[in-house]
C-alpha atoms as a PDB file:
ATOM      1  CA  UNK A   1      23.670-180.970 -49.555  1.00  0.00           C
ATOM      2  CA  UNK A   2      20.552-179.566 -51.165  1.00  0.00           C
ATOM      3  CA  UNK A   3      18.148-181.383 -53.454  1.00  0.00           C
ATOM      4  CA  UNK A   4      19.484-179.452 -56.465  1.00  0.00           C
ATOM      5  CA  UNK A   5      22.753-181.298 -56.035  1.00  0.00           C
ATOM      6  CA  UNK A   6      20.972-184.687 -55.051  1.00  0.00           C
ATOM      7  CA  UNK A   7      18.733-184.964 -58.120  1.00  0.00           C
ATOM      8  CA  UNK A   8      21.841-183.512 -60.678  1.00  0.00           C
ATOM      9  CA  UNK A   9      20.548-180.080 -60.582  1.00  0.00           C
ATOM     10  CA  UNK A  10      21.830-176.857 -61.757  1.00  0.00           C
ATOM     11  CA  UNK A  11      24.539-177.050 -58.846  1.00  0.00           C
ATOM     12  CA  UNK A  12      26.749-180.081 -60.961  1.00  0.00           C
ATOM     13  CA  UNK A  13      30.280-179.341 -60.938  1.00  0.00           C
ATOM     14  CA  UNK A  14      31.990-179.400 -64.231  1.00  0.00           C
ATOM     15  CA  UNK A  15      33.430-183.022 -63.079  1.00  0.00           C
ATOM     16  CA  UNK A  16      30.146-184.222 -62.204  1.00  0.00           C
ATOM     17  CA  UNK A  17      29.056-183.028 -65.724  1.00  0.00           C
ATOM     18  CA  UNK A  18      31.489-184.708 -67.535  1.00  0.00           C
ATOM     19  CA  UNK A  19      30.596-188.313 -65.593  1.00  0.00           C
ATOM     20  CA  UNK A  20      26.989-188.114 -65.185  1.00  0.00           C
ATOM     21  CA  UNK A  21      25.780-189.445 -68.562  1.00  0.00           C
ATOM     22  CA  UNK A  22      27.011-192.862 -70.000  1.00  0.00           C
ATOM     23  CA  UNK A  23      29.813-192.485 -72.936  1.00  0.00           C
ATOM     24  CA  UNK A  24      28.555-191.980 -76.087  1.00  0.00           C
ATOM     25  CA  UNK A  25      30.385-191.347 -79.377  1.00  0.00           C
ATOM     26  CA  UNK A  26      32.174-187.866 -79.571  1.00  0.00           C
ATOM     27  CA  UNK A  27      31.269-186.472 -82.941  1.00  0.00           C
ATOM     28  CA  UNK A  28      33.313-183.201 -84.076  1.00  0.00           C
ATOM     29  CA  UNK A  29      30.217-181.447 -84.534  1.00  0.00           C
ATOM     30  CA  UNK A  30      28.749-181.613 -81.380  1.00  0.00           C
ATOM     31  CA  UNK A  31      28.954-177.848 -80.265  1.00  0.00           C
ATOM     32  CA  UNK A  32      28.540-179.239 -76.439  1.00  0.00           C
ATOM     33  CA  UNK A  33      31.455-181.793 -76.446  1.00  0.00           C
ATOM     34  CA  UNK A  34      33.932-179.393 -78.369  1.00  0.00           C
ATOM     35  CA  UNK A  35      33.075-176.407 -75.853  1.00  0.00           C
ATOM     36  CA  UNK A  36      34.020-178.878 -73.141  1.00  0.00           C
ATOM     37  CA  UNK A  37      37.334-180.185 -74.977  1.00  0.00           C
ATOM     38  CA  UNK A  38      38.069-176.343 -75.602  1.00  0.00           C
ATOM     39  CA  UNK A  39      37.539-176.029 -71.884  1.00  0.00           C
ATOM     40  CA  UNK A  40      39.654-178.904 -70.671  1.00  0.00           C
ATOM     41  CA  UNK A  41      42.245-177.718 -72.795  1.00  0.00           C
ATOM     42  CA  UNK A  42      42.176-174.131 -71.816  1.00  0.00           C
ATOM     43  CA  UNK A  43      42.478-175.164 -68.091  1.00  0.00           C
ATOM     44  CA  UNK A  44      45.617-177.247 -68.633  1.00  0.00           C
ATOM     45  CA  UNK A  45      47.151-174.590 -70.701  1.00  0.00           C
ATOM     46  CA  UNK A  46      46.428-172.115 -68.168  1.00  0.00           C
ATOM     47  CA  UNK A  47      48.200-174.241 -65.622  1.00  0.00           C
ATOM     48  CA  UNK A  48      51.311-174.375 -67.888  1.00  0.00           C
ATOM     49  CA  UNK A  49      51.862-171.122 -68.613  1.00  0.00           C
ATOM     50  CA  UNK A  50      51.349-170.144 -64.478  1.00  0.00           C
ATOM     51  CA  UNK A  51      53.425-172.767 -63.267  1.00  0.00           C
ATOM     52  CA  UNK A  52      56.353-172.328 -65.698  1.00  0.00           C
ATOM     53  CA  UNK A  53      59.186-171.458 -64.133  1.00  0.00           C
ATOM     54  CA  UNK A  54      58.312-172.360 -60.650  1.00  0.00           C
ATOM     55  CA  UNK A  55      61.442-174.062 -60.259  1.00  0.00           C
ATOM     56  CA  UNK A  56      61.893-177.377 -57.413  1.00  0.00           C
ATOM     57  CA  UNK A  57      58.594-177.883 -56.061  1.00  0.00           C
ATOM     58  CA  UNK A  58      56.927-180.288 -53.385  1.00  0.00           C
ATOM     59  CA  UNK A  59      53.217-180.947 -52.986  1.00  0.00           C
ATOM     60  CA  UNK A  60      52.021-181.443 -49.881  1.00  0.00           C
ATOM     61  CA  UNK A  61      48.752-182.987 -49.227  1.00  0.00           C
ATOM     62  CA  UNK A  62      46.439-183.556 -46.027  1.00  0.00           C
ATOM     63  CA  UNK A  63      43.118-183.063 -44.644  1.00  0.00           C
ATOM     64  CA  UNK A  64      40.920-179.747 -45.363  1.00  0.00           C
ATOM     65  CA  UNK A  65      39.369-180.441 -41.799  1.00  0.00           C
ATOM     66  CA  UNK A  66      41.912-179.638 -39.740  1.00  0.00           C
ATOM     67  CA  UNK A  67      41.969-176.781 -37.574  1.00  0.00           C
ATOM     68  CA  UNK A  68      44.854-174.377 -36.559  1.00  0.00           C
ATOM     69  CA  UNK A  69      45.017-175.252 -32.779  1.00  0.00           C
ATOM     70  CA  UNK A  70      45.424-178.852 -33.613  1.00  0.00           C
ATOM     71  CA  UNK A  71      49.579-180.137 -33.495  1.00  0.00           C
ATOM     72  CA  UNK A  72      49.214-181.670 -37.179  1.00  0.00           C
ATOM     73  CA  UNK A  73      48.616-178.082 -38.311  1.00  0.00           C
ATOM     74  CA  UNK A  74      51.660-176.307 -36.597  1.00  0.00           C
ATOM     75  CA  UNK A  75      53.752-179.503 -37.894  1.00  0.00           C
ATOM     76  CA  UNK A  76      52.355-179.411 -41.465  1.00  0.00           C
ATOM     77  CA  UNK A  77      53.157-175.528 -41.522  1.00  0.00           C
ATOM     78  CA  UNK A  78      56.622-176.520 -39.913  1.00  0.00           C
ATOM     79  CA  UNK A  79      57.209-178.801 -42.739  1.00  0.00           C
ATOM     80  CA  UNK A  80      56.600-176.394 -45.316  1.00  0.00           C
ATOM     81  CA  UNK A  81      59.033-173.739 -43.691  1.00  0.00           C
ATOM     82  CA  UNK A  82      61.574-176.132 -43.631  1.00  0.00           C
ATOM     83  CA  UNK A  83      61.262-177.301 -47.265  1.00  0.00           C
ATOM     84  CA  UNK A  84      61.099-173.644 -47.773  1.00  0.00           C
ATOM     85  CA  UNK A  85      64.346-172.730 -46.371  1.00  0.00           C
ATOM     86  CA  UNK A  86      66.003-175.588 -48.094  1.00  0.00           C
ATOM     87  CA  UNK A  87      64.960-173.827 -51.467  1.00  0.00           C
ATOM     88  CA  UNK A  88      61.754-175.865 -52.546  1.00  0.00           C
ATOM     89  CA  UNK A  89      58.015-173.974 -53.441  1.00  0.00           C
ATOM     90  CA  UNK A  90      55.246-175.382 -51.740  1.00  0.00           C
ATOM     91  CA  UNK A  91      52.132-176.362 -53.997  1.00  0.00           C
ATOM     92  CA  UNK A  92      48.970-177.294 -52.016  1.00  0.00           C
ATOM     93  CA  UNK A  93      45.320-177.672 -53.263  1.00  0.00           C
ATOM     94  CA  UNK A  94      44.830-174.310 -51.996  1.00  0.00           C
ATOM     95  CA  UNK A  95      41.966-174.730 -49.437  1.00  0.00           C
ATOM     96  CA  UNK A  96      41.838-175.016 -45.863  1.00  0.00           C
ATOM     97  CA  UNK A  97      43.111-177.101 -43.045  1.00  0.00           C
ATOM     98  CA  UNK A  98      46.488-178.635 -43.742  1.00  0.00           C
ATOM     99  CA  UNK A  99      46.957-177.096 -46.993  1.00  0.00           C
ATOM    100  CA  UNK A 100      46.763-173.611 -45.568  1.00  0.00           C
ATOM    101  CA  UNK A 101      49.092-174.866 -42.708  1.00  0.00           C
ATOM    102  CA  UNK A 102      51.601-175.849 -45.993  1.00  0.00           C
ATOM    103  CA  UNK A 103      51.041-172.362 -47.537  1.00  0.00           C
ATOM    104  CA  UNK A 104      51.390-170.266 -44.331  1.00  0.00           C
ATOM    105  CA  UNK A 105      55.081-172.527 -44.006  1.00  0.00           C
ATOM    106  CA  UNK A 106      55.963-171.494 -47.538  1.00  0.00           C
ATOM    107  CA  UNK A 107      54.956-167.715 -46.792  1.00  0.00           C
ATOM    108  CA  UNK A 108      56.831-167.794 -43.585  1.00  0.00           C
ATOM    109  CA  UNK A 109      60.421-168.184 -45.283  1.00  0.00           C
ATOM    110  CA  UNK A 110      59.624-166.392 -48.559  1.00  0.00           C
ATOM    111  CA  UNK A 111      59.112-169.726 -50.478  1.00  0.00           C
ATOM    112  CA  UNK A 112      56.684-169.631 -53.267  1.00  0.00           C
ATOM    113  CA  UNK A 113      53.483-170.568 -52.163  1.00  0.00           C
ATOM    114  CA  UNK A 114      51.268-172.148 -54.789  1.00  0.00           C
ATOM    115  CA  UNK A 115      47.550-173.184 -54.439  1.00  0.00           C
ATOM    116  CA  UNK A 116      45.512-175.506 -56.895  1.00  0.00           C
ATOM    117  CA  UNK A 117      41.966-174.953 -56.032  1.00  0.00           C
ATOM    118  CA  UNK A 118      38.978-177.212 -57.287  1.00  0.00           C
ATOM    119  CA  UNK A 119      35.599-176.168 -58.012  1.00  0.00           C
ATOM    120  CA  UNK A 120      33.408-178.770 -55.330  1.00  0.00           C
ATOM    121  CA  UNK A 121      29.707-178.727 -54.693  1.00  0.00           C
ATOM    122  CA  UNK A 122      30.170-176.603 -51.984  1.00  0.00           C
ATOM    123  CA  UNK A 123      32.851-174.003 -52.444  1.00  0.00           C
ATOM    124  CA  UNK A 124      35.893-174.170 -51.499  1.00  0.00           C
ATOM    125  CA  UNK A 125      37.614-171.060 -51.236  1.00  0.00           C
ATOM    126  CA  UNK A 126      41.515-170.370 -51.563  1.00  0.00           C
ATOM    127  CA  UNK A 127      43.506-169.613 -48.452  1.00  0.00           C
ATOM    128  CA  UNK A 128      45.021-166.376 -47.683  1.00  0.00           C
ATOM    129  CA  UNK A 129      48.695-167.374 -48.065  1.00  0.00           C
ATOM    130  CA  UNK A 130      49.085-168.035 -51.703  1.00  0.00           C
ATOM    131  CA  UNK A 131      51.315-166.222 -54.208  1.00  0.00           C
ATOM    132  CA  UNK A 132      50.161-168.241 -57.308  1.00  0.00           C
ATOM    133  CA  UNK A 133      46.246-169.262 -57.093  1.00  0.00           C
ATOM    134  CA  UNK A 134      44.472-171.413 -59.733  1.00  0.00           C
ATOM    135  CA  UNK A 135      41.146-172.555 -60.114  1.00  0.00           C
ATOM    136  CA  UNK A 136      40.245-175.520 -61.677  1.00  0.00           C
ATOM    137  CA  UNK A 137      37.076-177.222 -62.801  1.00  0.00           C
ATOM    138  CA  UNK A 138      38.327-180.826 -63.627  1.00  0.00           C
ATOM    139  CA  UNK A 139      40.221-183.117 -60.963  1.00  0.00           C
ATOM    140  CA  UNK A 140      42.691-184.569 -63.786  1.00  0.00           C
ATOM    141  CA  UNK A 141      43.525-181.112 -64.919  1.00  0.00           C
ATOM    142  CA  UNK A 142      44.497-180.281 -61.810  1.00  0.00           C
ATOM    143  CA  UNK A 143      46.348-183.547 -60.631  1.00  0.00           C
ATOM    144  CA  UNK A 144      48.334-183.324 -63.832  1.00  0.00           C
ATOM    145  CA  UNK A 145      49.789-179.928 -61.721  1.00  0.00           C
ATOM    146  CA  UNK A 146      50.761-181.738 -58.951  1.00  0.00           C
ATOM    147  CA  UNK A 147      52.815-184.302 -60.355  1.00  0.00           C
ATOM    148  CA  UNK A 148      54.186-182.068 -63.399  1.00  0.00           C
ATOM    149  CA  UNK A 149      55.748-179.372 -61.126  1.00  0.00           C
ATOM    150  CA  UNK A 150      56.706-181.030 -58.040  1.00  0.00           C
ATOM    151  CA  UNK A 151      59.665-183.494 -57.745  1.00  0.00           C
ATOM    152  CA  UNK A 152      58.506-184.912 -54.170  1.00  0.00           C
ATOM    153  CA  UNK A 153      54.736-185.361 -52.438  1.00  0.00           C
ATOM    154  CA  UNK A 154      54.353-185.181 -48.817  1.00  0.00           C
ATOM    155  CA  UNK A 155      51.253-186.543 -47.173  1.00  0.00           C
ATOM    156  CA  UNK A 156      50.393-185.516 -43.608  1.00  0.00           C
ATOM    157  CA  UNK A 157      47.284-186.518 -41.891  1.00  0.00           C
ATOM    158  CA  UNK A 158      44.247-186.487 -44.119  1.00  0.00           C
ATOM    159  CA  UNK A 159      41.316-188.201 -45.975  1.00  0.00           C
ATOM    160  CA  UNK A 160      40.766-190.113 -48.844  1.00  0.00           C
ATOM    161  CA  UNK A 161      41.832-187.051 -51.291  1.00  0.00           C
ATOM    162  CA  UNK A 162      45.212-187.533 -49.535  1.00  0.00           C
ATOM    163  CA  UNK A 163      45.251-191.193 -49.879  1.00  0.00           C
ATOM    164  CA  UNK A 164      44.452-191.147 -53.593  1.00  0.00           C
ATOM    165  CA  UNK A 165      47.228-188.608 -54.338  1.00  0.00           C
ATOM    166  CA  UNK A 166      49.461-191.070 -52.254  1.00  0.00           C
ATOM    167  CA  UNK A 167      48.792-194.096 -54.236  1.00  0.00           C
ATOM    168  CA  UNK A 168      48.741-192.319 -57.722  1.00  0.00           C
ATOM    169  CA  UNK A 169      52.334-191.083 -57.048  1.00  0.00           C
ATOM    170  CA  UNK A 170      53.040-194.998 -56.024  1.00  0.00           C
ATOM    171  CA  UNK A 171      51.824-196.376 -59.032  1.00  0.00           C
ATOM    172  CA  UNK A 172      53.127-193.662 -61.365  1.00  0.00           C
ATOM    173  CA  UNK A 173      56.628-195.092 -59.762  1.00  0.00           C
ATOM    174  CA  UNK A 174      55.858-198.543 -59.775  1.00  0.00           C
ATOM    175  CA  UNK A 175      54.993-198.434 -63.413  1.00  0.00           C
ATOM    176  CA  UNK A 176      57.858-196.214 -64.169  1.00  0.00           C
ATOM    177  CA  UNK A 177      55.806-193.194 -65.670  1.00  0.00           C
ATOM    178  CA  UNK A 178      57.873-190.774 -63.384  1.00  0.00           C
ATOM    179  CA  UNK A 179      61.346-191.026 -62.593  1.00  0.00           C
ATOM    180  CA  UNK A 180      62.329-191.642 -58.760  1.00  0.00           C
ATOM    181  CA  UNK A 181      59.819-189.601 -57.047  1.00  0.00           C
ATOM    182  CA  UNK A 182      59.948-189.573 -52.786  1.00  0.00           C
ATOM    183  CA  UNK A 183      56.521-190.069 -51.217  1.00  0.00           C
ATOM    184  CA  UNK A 184      56.991-188.716 -47.562  1.00  0.00           C
ATOM    185  CA  UNK A 185      54.408-189.614 -44.531  1.00  0.00           C
ATOM    186  CA  UNK A 186      54.156-187.097 -41.933  1.00  0.00           C
ATOM    187  CA  UNK A 187      53.085-188.919 -38.733  1.00  0.00           C
ATOM    188  CA  UNK A 188      53.967-192.197 -37.930  1.00  0.00           C
ATOM    189  CA  UNK A 189      51.178-192.698 -35.539  1.00  0.00           C
ATOM    190  CA  UNK A 190      48.485-191.872 -38.302  1.00  0.00           C
ATOM    191  CA  UNK A 191      49.948-193.875 -41.130  1.00  0.00           C
ATOM    192  CA  UNK A 192      51.068-197.006 -38.769  1.00  0.00           C
ATOM    193  CA  UNK A 193      48.221-199.327 -39.484  1.00  0.00           C
ATOM    194  CA  UNK A 194      48.045-198.590 -43.409  1.00  0.00           C
ATOM    195  CA  UNK A 195      51.619-199.328 -43.649  1.00  0.00           C
ATOM    196  CA  UNK A 196      51.253-202.230 -41.571  1.00  0.00           C
ATOM    197  CA  UNK A 197      48.483-203.415 -44.019  1.00  0.00           C
ATOM    198  CA  UNK A 198      50.269-202.664 -46.950  1.00  0.00           C
ATOM    199  CA  UNK A 199      53.374-204.644 -45.783  1.00  0.00           C
ATOM    200  CA  UNK A 200      51.551-207.736 -44.675  1.00  0.00           C
ATOM    201  CA  UNK A 201      48.597-207.932 -47.096  1.00  0.00           C
ATOM    202  CA  UNK A 202      49.988-206.301 -50.257  1.00  0.00           C
ATOM    203  CA  UNK A 203      53.629-207.121 -49.944  1.00  0.00           C
ATOM    204  CA  UNK A 204      52.950-210.295 -48.177  1.00  0.00           C
ATOM    205  CA  UNK A 205      50.291-211.967 -50.738  1.00  0.00           C
ATOM    206  CA  UNK A 206      53.043-210.769 -53.421  1.00  0.00           C
ATOM    207  CA  UNK A 207      50.743-208.054 -55.211  1.00  0.00           C
ATOM    208  CA  UNK A 208      54.078-205.695 -54.676  1.00  0.00           C
ATOM    209  CA  UNK A 209      57.499-205.734 -54.648  1.00  0.00           C
ATOM    210  CA  UNK A 210      59.792-204.821 -51.791  1.00  0.00           C
ATOM    211  CA  UNK A 211      61.490-202.288 -54.158  1.00  0.00           C
ATOM    212  CA  UNK A 212      58.057-200.714 -54.717  1.00  0.00           C
ATOM    213  CA  UNK A 213      57.838-199.233 -51.246  1.00  0.00           C
ATOM    214  CA  UNK A 214      61.536-198.061 -51.604  1.00  0.00           C
ATOM    215  CA  UNK A 215      60.725-194.524 -52.058  1.00  0.00           C
ATOM    216  CA  UNK A 216      58.082-194.331 -49.314  1.00  0.00           C
ATOM    217  CA  UNK A 217      59.246-192.942 -46.304  1.00  0.00           C
ATOM    218  CA  UNK A 218      57.721-192.033 -42.961  1.00  0.00           C
ATOM    219  CA  UNK A 219      58.780-189.559 -40.450  1.00  0.00           C
ATOM    220  CA  UNK A 220      57.776-187.523 -37.358  1.00  0.00           C
ATOM    221  CA  UNK A 221      60.845-184.624 -37.851  1.00  0.00           C
ATOM    222  CA  UNK A 222      60.231-181.924 -40.420  1.00  0.00           C
ATOM    223  CA  UNK A 223      63.701-182.112 -40.477  1.00  0.00           C
ATOM    224  CA  UNK A 224      63.829-185.862 -41.756  1.00  0.00           C
ATOM    225  CA  UNK A 225      61.080-184.510 -44.459  1.00  0.00           C
ATOM    226  CA  UNK A 226      63.981-182.686 -46.172  1.00  0.00           C
ATOM    227  CA  UNK A 227      66.614-185.205 -45.696  1.00  0.00           C
ATOM    228  CA  UNK A 228      64.228-187.989 -47.291  1.00  0.00           C
ATOM    229  CA  UNK A 229      63.460-185.810 -50.134  1.00  0.00           C
ATOM    230  CA  UNK A 230      66.874-183.992 -51.148  1.00  0.00           C
ATOM    231  CA  UNK A 231      68.622-187.620 -50.721  1.00  0.00           C
ATOM    232  CA  UNK A 232      66.728-188.518 -53.557  1.00  0.00           C
ATOM    233  CA  UNK A 233      66.567-185.584 -55.492  1.00  0.00           C
ATOM    234  CA  UNK A 234      69.266-183.014 -54.372  1.00  0.00           C
ATOM    235  CA  UNK A 235      69.230-179.586 -53.181  1.00  0.00           C
ATOM    236  CA  UNK A 236      67.835-177.014 -55.217  1.00  0.00           C
ATOM    237  CA  UNK A 237      70.666-174.555 -56.351  1.00  0.00           C
ATOM    238  CA  UNK A 238      70.909-171.154 -54.321  1.00  0.00           C
ATOM    239  CA  UNK A 239      71.689-167.869 -55.470  1.00  0.00           C
END
């Protein structure tokens, strides 16, 4: 990480710039703020236009750091392939690692492969397996697309971002901001510790209800991913 970034220099991303200064009252005659709001509006609108008519889709989240020679990469590719065969389009963050694996799996079977790339301090390049590639500067605009255009989330092994997407989906379900929305975790070994903590601490202390976990599914089987999703949302129509 370079000094410019550390000290808020010219490498600030749009999100950093938005959040860098203490909040102040928005004035309609502030050109900088008006321009910022116009950029946010344009980014959301571009996403709506590009993804209109996509059809039933599943958003897949996982680590950008996974290499193609790791077993979880191939598992993710197979999961996306099975979902594509079942009639779903695949949406990812558009980058490397597990995202690339999922987009490759979609491409393997001719399913629409979507990447929602995000501006980061160190450039994240879109992978080479995308039919639709969109670039976002604001995380919240990108996040909206993941939820608006998917009927389920699949989380394969990943880091903070993967957990963030999983817990946001569970929060939206709990607060009834979205209808029943399956959240599938692939890899019982990877997720067992977190799930045990949720059961012991969150559920055990009454901070969530048992029903809050009803749409959370864990599997090691790519076909089980398809079953977990279609049992809730049904299968996309064919033809």
